[in-house]
Amino acid sequence: MLLGNLSLKEIQNRTGVEFPQVLVDYMETRHQSCASNIKKGKWHCFDIPFILVAGDLETATEIYNNLKSLSGDFKEEMQIAIQT
């Protein structure tokens, strides 16, 4: 069971990391609040478990590539997944 609909700001607060502005700009317009059938180019982040689900590989890769250098600064692990 997956619960929650975290905003970008809530994700940053939970990880303790300020995302690069280029990533914030990318993600702000792509948040999908409905957790069902996440569309291509969109993302949804669950609170329990703490996992960001992207609607396609390209979106997941873009987010991951912008965060991988910051992973050591995360105060809590966040998974990135792709909806299949």
N, C-alpha and C. Protein backbone atom coordinates (compact mmCIF):
# COMPACT_ATOMS: atom_id res chain seq x y z
N MET A 1 0.84 -1.17 0.00
CA MET A 1 0.00 0.00 0.00
C MET A 1 0.89 1.25 0.00
N LEU A 2 0.56 2.20 -0.84
CA LEU A 2 1.31 3.45 -0.95
C LEU A 2 0.42 4.60 -0.48
N LEU A 3 0.97 5.47 0.34
CA LEU A 3 0.19 6.58 0.90
C LEU A 3 0.91 7.90 0.71
N GLY A 4 0.14 8.93 0.43
CA GLY A 4 0.69 10.28 0.43
C GLY A 4 0.84 10.90 -0.94
N ASN A 5 0.94 12.20 -0.93
CA ASN A 5 1.12 13.00 -2.13
C ASN A 5 2.00 14.18 -1.75
N LEU A 6 3.30 13.96 -1.75
CA LEU A 6 4.22 15.00 -1.32
C LEU A 6 4.48 16.03 -2.42
N SER A 7 4.51 17.27 -2.02
CA SER A 7 4.87 18.35 -2.94
C SER A 7 6.40 18.38 -3.07
N LEU A 8 6.86 19.14 -4.01
CA LEU A 8 8.30 19.29 -4.21
C LEU A 8 8.96 19.88 -2.96
N LYS A 9 8.33 20.87 -2.36
CA LYS A 9 8.87 21.49 -1.14
C LYS A 9 8.92 20.48 0.00
N GLU A 10 7.89 19.65 0.12
CA GLU A 10 7.87 18.63 1.17
C GLU A 10 8.97 17.59 0.95
N ILE A 11 9.24 17.26 -0.30
CA ILE A 11 10.32 16.32 -0.60
C ILE A 11 11.66 16.91 -0.17
N GLN A 12 11.88 18.17 -0.51
CA GLN A 12 13.13 18.83 -0.14
C GLN A 12 13.28 18.91 1.38
N ASN A 13 12.19 19.22 2.08
CA ASN A 13 12.24 19.28 3.55
C ASN A 13 12.56 17.90 4.13
N ARG A 14 11.96 16.88 3.58
CA ARG A 14 12.17 15.53 4.12
C ARG A 14 13.60 15.03 3.85
N THR A 15 14.14 15.34 2.69
CA THR A 15 15.50 14.90 2.36
C THR A 15 16.55 15.78 3.00
N GLY A 16 16.17 17.02 3.34
CA GLY A 16 17.13 17.96 3.90
C GLY A 16 18.04 18.57 2.85
N VAL A 17 17.65 18.43 1.59
CA VAL A 17 18.47 18.90 0.48
C VAL A 17 17.67 19.91 -0.35
N GLU A 18 18.31 21.03 -0.66
CA GLU A 18 17.71 21.99 -1.58
C GLU A 18 18.06 21.55 -2.99
N PHE A 19 17.05 21.26 -3.78
CA PHE A 19 17.28 20.79 -5.14
C PHE A 19 17.81 21.93 -6.01
N PRO A 20 18.64 21.60 -7.00
CA PRO A 20 19.12 22.62 -7.93
C PRO A 20 17.94 23.31 -8.62
N GLN A 21 18.07 24.59 -8.88
CA GLN A 21 16.97 25.35 -9.47
C GLN A 21 16.51 24.75 -10.79
N VAL A 22 17.43 24.24 -11.58
CA VAL A 22 17.05 23.64 -12.86
C VAL A 22 16.12 22.45 -12.63
N LEU A 23 16.35 21.68 -11.57
CA LEU A 23 15.48 20.55 -11.26
C LEU A 23 14.14 21.03 -10.72
N VAL A 24 14.16 22.03 -9.87
CA VAL A 24 12.91 22.60 -9.34
C VAL A 24 12.04 23.07 -10.50
N ASP A 25 12.64 23.80 -11.44
CA ASP A 25 11.90 24.28 -12.60
C ASP A 25 11.33 23.12 -13.41
N TYR A 26 12.10 22.06 -13.56
CA TYR A 26 11.67 20.88 -14.30
C TYR A 26 10.50 20.19 -13.59
N MET A 27 10.63 20.00 -12.29
CA MET A 27 9.65 19.21 -11.54
C MET A 27 8.35 19.97 -11.23
N GLU A 28 8.44 21.27 -11.04
CA GLU A 28 7.25 22.04 -10.64
C GLU A 28 6.07 21.85 -11.57
N THR A 29 6.31 21.82 -12.85
CA THR A 29 5.22 21.71 -13.82
C THR A 29 4.86 20.26 -14.14
N ARG A 30 5.54 19.31 -13.55
CA ARG A 30 5.34 17.91 -13.90
C ARG A 30 4.74 17.07 -12.77
N HIS A 31 4.40 17.69 -11.66
CA HIS A 31 3.82 16.95 -10.54
C HIS A 31 2.41 16.50 -10.90
N GLN A 32 2.13 15.24 -10.64
CA GLN A 32 0.79 14.69 -10.85
C GLN A 32 0.24 14.32 -9.47
N SER A 33 -0.81 15.01 -9.05
CA SER A 33 -1.33 14.77 -7.70
C SER A 33 -2.09 13.45 -7.57
N CYS A 34 -2.65 12.98 -8.66
CA CYS A 34 -3.35 11.69 -8.64
C CYS A 34 -2.32 10.56 -8.78
N ALA A 35 -2.35 9.61 -7.87
CA ALA A 35 -1.35 8.55 -7.85
C ALA A 35 -1.61 7.44 -8.87
N SER A 36 -2.78 7.43 -9.45
CA SER A 36 -3.12 6.37 -10.41
C SER A 36 -2.63 6.72 -11.81
N ASN A 37 -2.06 5.74 -12.47
CA ASN A 37 -1.65 5.88 -13.87
C ASN A 37 -0.86 7.16 -14.12
N ILE A 38 0.30 7.23 -13.52
CA ILE A 38 1.14 8.42 -13.68
C ILE A 38 1.55 8.54 -15.14
N LYS A 39 1.26 9.67 -15.71
CA LYS A 39 1.46 9.89 -17.14
C LYS A 39 2.93 10.14 -17.48
N LYS A 40 3.25 9.89 -18.74
CA LYS A 40 4.58 10.17 -19.26
C LYS A 40 4.90 11.64 -19.01
N GLY A 41 6.11 11.89 -18.51
CA GLY A 41 6.54 13.25 -18.23
C GLY A 41 6.11 13.78 -16.87
N LYS A 42 5.43 12.96 -16.08
CA LYS A 42 4.93 13.38 -14.77
C LYS A 42 5.58 12.56 -13.66
N TRP A 43 5.40 12.99 -12.42
CA TRP A 43 5.90 12.27 -11.26
C TRP A 43 4.91 12.44 -10.10
N HIS A 44 4.99 11.52 -9.18
CA HIS A 44 4.19 11.55 -7.95
C HIS A 44 5.08 11.00 -6.84
N CYS A 45 5.06 11.63 -5.68
CA CYS A 45 5.90 11.16 -4.58
C CYS A 45 5.03 10.73 -3.41
N PHE A 46 5.24 9.51 -2.97
CA PHE A 46 4.51 8.95 -1.85
C PHE A 46 5.26 9.23 -0.55
N ASP A 47 4.50 9.38 0.51
CA ASP A 47 5.06 9.58 1.84
C ASP A 47 5.46 8.25 2.47
N ILE A 48 4.60 7.25 2.31
CA ILE A 48 4.83 5.92 2.88
C ILE A 48 4.62 4.87 1.80
N PRO A 49 5.64 4.19 1.36
CA PRO A 49 7.05 4.46 1.62
C PRO A 49 7.49 5.70 0.85
N PHE A 50 8.63 6.25 1.24
CA PHE A 50 9.15 7.47 0.62
C PHE A 50 9.73 7.10 -0.74
N ILE A 51 8.90 7.25 -1.76
CA ILE A 51 9.30 6.86 -3.11
C ILE A 51 8.69 7.82 -4.12
N LEU A 52 9.52 8.27 -5.04
CA LEU A 52 9.07 9.11 -6.14
C LEU A 52 8.87 8.21 -7.35
N VAL A 53 7.67 8.24 -7.91
CA VAL A 53 7.35 7.40 -9.06
C VAL A 53 7.20 8.29 -10.28
N ALA A 54 7.96 7.99 -11.31
CA ALA A 54 7.90 8.73 -12.57
C ALA A 54 7.05 7.94 -13.57
N GLY A 55 6.45 8.67 -14.48
CA GLY A 55 5.60 8.04 -15.48
C GLY A 55 6.36 7.42 -16.63
N ASP A 56 7.67 7.69 -16.72
CA ASP A 56 8.47 7.12 -17.80
C ASP A 56 9.96 7.20 -17.43
N LEU A 57 10.77 6.47 -18.16
CA LEU A 57 12.20 6.40 -17.89
C LEU A 57 12.88 7.75 -18.05
N GLU A 58 12.50 8.52 -19.04
CA GLU A 58 13.13 9.82 -19.29
C GLU A 58 12.95 10.76 -18.09
N THR A 59 11.75 10.80 -17.53
CA THR A 59 11.49 11.65 -16.37
C THR A 59 12.28 11.18 -15.16
N ALA A 60 12.27 9.88 -14.91
CA ALA A 60 13.03 9.31 -13.79
C ALA A 60 14.52 9.60 -13.94
N THR A 61 15.04 9.45 -15.13
CA THR A 61 16.46 9.68 -15.39
C THR A 61 16.83 11.14 -15.19
N GLU A 62 15.99 12.05 -15.64
CA GLU A 62 16.25 13.49 -15.48
C GLU A 62 16.32 13.86 -13.99
N ILE A 63 15.38 13.36 -13.22
CA ILE A 63 15.36 13.65 -11.79
C ILE A 63 16.58 13.02 -11.12
N TYR A 64 16.83 11.75 -11.41
CA TYR A 64 17.97 11.05 -10.81
C TYR A 64 19.29 11.74 -11.13
N ASN A 65 19.50 12.10 -12.40
CA ASN A 65 20.76 12.72 -12.80
C ASN A 65 21.00 14.05 -12.09
N ASN A 66 19.94 14.75 -11.75
CA ASN A 66 20.09 16.02 -11.04
C ASN A 66 20.30 15.84 -9.55
N LEU A 67 20.00 14.66 -9.03
CA LEU A 67 20.11 14.41 -7.59
C LEU A 67 21.29 13.53 -7.19
N LYS A 68 21.84 12.78 -8.13
CA LYS A 68 22.84 11.78 -7.75
C LYS A 68 24.06 12.39 -7.06
N SER A 69 24.48 13.56 -7.44
CA SER A 69 25.65 14.17 -6.80
C SER A 69 25.32 14.68 -5.39
N LEU A 70 24.04 14.79 -5.06
CA LEU A 70 23.61 15.26 -3.75
C LEU A 70 23.22 14.12 -2.81
N SER A 71 23.26 12.91 -3.29
CA SER A 71 22.74 11.77 -2.53
C SER A 71 23.40 11.61 -1.15
N GLY A 72 24.65 11.95 -1.04
CA GLY A 72 25.34 11.85 0.24
C GLY A 72 24.84 12.84 1.28
N ASP A 73 24.13 13.87 0.84
CA ASP A 73 23.61 14.89 1.74
C ASP A 73 22.19 14.59 2.22
N PHE A 74 21.55 13.58 1.62
CA PHE A 74 20.17 13.26 1.98
C PHE A 74 20.12 12.74 3.41
N LYS A 75 19.22 13.29 4.22
CA LYS A 75 19.07 12.80 5.59
C LYS A 75 18.15 11.59 5.66
N GLU A 76 17.44 11.33 4.58
CA GLU A 76 16.58 10.15 4.49
C GLU A 76 16.62 9.63 3.05
N GLU A 77 16.68 8.32 2.91
CA GLU A 77 16.74 7.70 1.59
C GLU A 77 15.41 7.89 0.86
N MET A 78 15.50 8.26 -0.41
CA MET A 78 14.33 8.36 -1.27
C MET A 78 14.58 7.49 -2.49
N GLN A 79 13.63 6.64 -2.79
CA GLN A 79 13.74 5.80 -3.97
C GLN A 79 13.08 6.50 -5.15
N ILE A 80 13.57 6.19 -6.33
CA ILE A 80 12.96 6.67 -7.57
C ILE A 80 12.57 5.44 -8.37
N ALA A 81 11.32 5.40 -8.79
CA ALA A 81 10.82 4.24 -9.53
C ALA A 81 10.10 4.72 -10.79
N ILE A 82 9.84 3.77 -11.66
CA ILE A 82 9.11 4.05 -12.89
C ILE A 82 7.83 3.23 -12.86
N GLN A 83 6.73 3.88 -13.15
CA GLN A 83 5.46 3.15 -13.21
C GLN A 83 5.44 2.31 -14.47
N THR A 84 5.09 1.06 -14.31
CA THR A 84 5.02 0.18 -15.48
C THR A 84 3.59 -0.17 -15.81
